[in-house]
Amino acid sequence: MADPLSWQTVEALATAYAVVTTANGYHTNLGSSIVTEREQSDGDAARLSIGVVRMRWQSLAYRLREHLLEVIVEAWLPSTSGDQERAHQALDDLRRVFPETTDLLLAGGEVAYIEVASAEIMPRPAGADGVCVQLLLTATIREALA
């Protein structure tokens, strides 16, 4: 049995964001360390985490269902001088992967339509040794039911 469409979307997003490296012309190397879990941890290494935070389904027609996913893409960057600049660079990198509504092919052959809904530089909690930025993506997948 194939993985759920929601998990296929997370894995496809991780693959798409893997291109985010300075060698590919981006500001950061966030694509070098991607986890497919929502986690709130700091540390001394930059990393990108991807996770679905909300799912909805609706029937469109006989044997046609639409999956609506909200996905958080979160980048953690260890503190150095110029944290605000690095936060803006990270958001720019993440946004450049999906500059507009983009079709993303899933492992099962379905297509997820990805759109960036919002971006945010997160407030830094007291004692945090880094900066965190988030993108909220929406993914729409149409599934023909057997």
Protein backbone atom coordinates (compact mmCIF):
# COMPACT_ATOMS: atom_id res chain seq x y z
CA MET A 1 0.00 0.00 0.00
CA ALA A 2 1.28 3.48 -0.87
CA ASP A 3 2.11 6.02 1.82
CA PRO A 4 -0.63 8.54 2.64
CA LEU A 5 -0.73 11.57 0.35
CA SER A 6 0.11 13.82 3.29
CA TRP A 7 3.36 11.93 3.95
CA GLN A 8 4.20 11.78 0.23
CA THR A 9 3.87 15.58 0.22
CA VAL A 10 6.29 15.98 3.15
CA GLU A 11 8.84 13.73 1.44
CA ALA A 12 8.48 15.55 -1.90
CA LEU A 13 8.96 18.89 -0.16
CA ALA A 14 12.11 17.60 1.55
CA THR A 15 13.46 16.54 -1.83
CA ALA A 16 12.60 19.93 -3.37
CA TYR A 17 14.29 21.86 -0.53
CA ALA A 18 17.46 19.74 -0.73
CA VAL A 19 18.70 22.07 -3.52
CA VAL A 20 19.12 24.92 -1.01
CA THR A 21 22.91 25.06 -0.80
CA THR A 22 25.44 27.78 -1.46
CA ALA A 23 26.87 25.58 -4.24
CA ASN A 24 23.51 25.97 -6.02
CA GLY A 25 23.51 29.77 -5.63
CA TYR A 26 21.50 30.09 -2.41
CA HIS A 27 22.51 32.12 0.66
CA THR A 28 22.43 29.14 3.05
CA ASN A 29 23.03 25.40 3.17
CA LEU A 30 19.66 24.57 4.75
CA GLY A 31 19.13 21.83 2.17
CA SER A 32 22.01 19.87 3.69
CA SER A 33 20.16 19.12 6.94
CA ILE A 34 16.45 18.40 6.54
CA VAL A 35 14.25 16.59 9.04
CA THR A 36 10.68 15.56 8.33
CA GLU A 37 9.45 16.10 11.85
CA ARG A 38 8.22 19.24 13.54
CA GLU A 39 10.72 19.87 16.28
CA GLN A 40 11.55 22.84 18.43
CA SER A 41 15.17 22.48 19.26
CA ASP A 42 18.14 24.71 18.95
CA GLY A 43 21.71 23.66 18.40
CA ASP A 44 24.91 24.60 16.69
CA ALA A 45 23.92 23.44 13.20
CA ALA A 46 21.52 25.00 10.73
CA ARG A 47 18.63 22.73 9.86
CA LEU A 48 15.30 22.69 8.08
CA SER A 49 12.25 20.87 9.43
CA ILE A 50 9.08 20.11 7.48
CA GLY A 51 5.79 18.96 8.96
CA VAL A 52 2.06 18.97 8.25
CA VAL A 53 0.13 20.96 10.85
CA ARG A 54 -3.43 20.72 9.52
CA MET A 55 -5.36 18.54 7.04
CA ARG A 56 -8.83 18.91 5.59
CA TRP A 57 -10.65 16.90 2.96
CA GLN A 58 -13.62 17.65 0.78
CA SER A 59 -15.51 15.82 -1.92
CA LEU A 60 -15.51 17.62 -5.23
CA ALA A 61 -17.55 15.22 -7.30
CA TYR A 62 -18.39 11.56 -7.47
CA ARG A 63 -15.16 9.65 -6.68
CA LEU A 64 -13.05 12.82 -6.52
CA ARG A 65 -11.63 14.08 -3.22
CA GLU A 66 -9.47 17.11 -2.52
CA HIS A 67 -6.86 17.08 0.25
CA LEU A 68 -5.93 20.47 1.70
CA LEU A 69 -2.74 20.47 3.78
CA GLU A 70 -1.04 23.22 5.74
CA VAL A 71 2.69 22.59 6.04
CA ILE A 72 5.23 24.42 8.19
CA VAL A 73 8.74 24.70 6.80
CA GLU A 74 10.95 25.92 9.63
CA ALA A 75 14.61 26.91 9.42
CA TRP A 76 16.85 27.15 12.48
CA LEU A 77 20.08 29.12 12.15
CA PRO A 78 22.62 29.20 15.01
CA SER A 79 23.41 32.66 16.31
CA THR A 80 26.24 34.63 14.74
CA SER A 81 26.63 38.29 14.01
CA GLY A 82 24.00 39.48 11.58
CA ASP A 83 21.15 37.21 12.72
CA GLN A 84 18.47 39.39 11.15
CA GLU A 85 20.25 39.42 7.80
CA ARG A 86 20.65 35.63 7.95
CA ALA A 87 16.94 35.27 8.76
CA HIS A 88 16.03 37.27 5.66
CA GLN A 89 18.49 35.25 3.57
CA ALA A 90 16.94 31.99 4.81
CA LEU A 91 13.42 33.20 3.99
CA ASP A 92 14.61 34.27 0.55
CA ASP A 93 16.14 30.82 -0.04
CA LEU A 94 13.00 28.98 1.05
CA ARG A 95 10.75 31.26 -0.99
CA ARG A 96 12.87 30.84 -4.13
CA VAL A 97 12.22 27.08 -4.18
CA PHE A 98 8.48 27.79 -4.68
CA PRO A 99 8.33 31.30 -6.20
CA GLU A 100 4.68 30.91 -7.22
CA THR A 101 2.06 28.19 -7.17
CA THR A 102 4.08 25.14 -8.19
CA ASP A 103 3.15 21.60 -9.17
CA LEU A 104 4.99 18.98 -7.13
CA LEU A 105 4.86 15.37 -8.31
CA LEU A 106 4.25 12.87 -5.49
CA ALA A 107 5.58 9.30 -5.33
CA GLY A 108 2.15 7.82 -6.12
CA GLY A 109 1.76 9.91 -9.29
CA GLU A 110 -0.60 12.52 -7.85
CA VAL A 111 0.28 16.20 -8.09
CA ALA A 112 0.36 18.58 -5.11
CA TYR A 113 -0.19 22.24 -5.91
CA ILE A 114 2.12 24.14 -3.54
CA GLU A 115 1.64 27.78 -2.61
CA VAL A 116 3.44 29.91 -0.01
CA ALA A 117 0.76 31.32 2.29
CA SER A 118 2.95 33.33 4.69
CA ALA A 119 6.45 33.81 6.08
CA GLU A 120 7.57 34.81 9.54
CA ILE A 121 10.75 35.55 11.46
CA MET A 122 9.94 34.03 14.83
CA PRO A 123 10.47 35.95 18.08
CA ARG A 124 13.58 34.68 19.84
CA PRO A 125 12.87 33.17 23.27
CA ALA A 126 15.15 34.27 26.10
CA GLY A 127 18.31 32.22 26.04
CA ALA A 128 17.87 30.92 22.48
CA ASP A 129 21.16 30.83 20.63
CA GLY A 130 19.86 31.30 17.12
CA VAL A 131 17.12 32.56 14.89
CA CYS A 132 14.11 30.71 13.50
CA VAL A 133 12.09 31.47 10.38
CA GLN A 134 8.93 29.78 9.16
CA LEU A 135 7.04 29.45 5.91
CA LEU A 136 3.45 28.28 5.88
CA LEU A 137 2.71 26.37 2.69
CA THR A 138 -0.61 25.14 1.45
CA ALA A 139 -0.72 21.96 -0.59
CA THR A 140 -3.80 20.95 -2.57
CA ILE A 141 -4.03 17.41 -3.92
CA ARG A 142 -6.87 15.95 -5.95
CA GLU A 143 -7.37 12.22 -5.58
CA ALA A 144 -9.50 10.07 -7.84
CA LEU A 145 -11.15 7.41 -5.69
CA ALA A 146 -11.44 3.86 -6.94
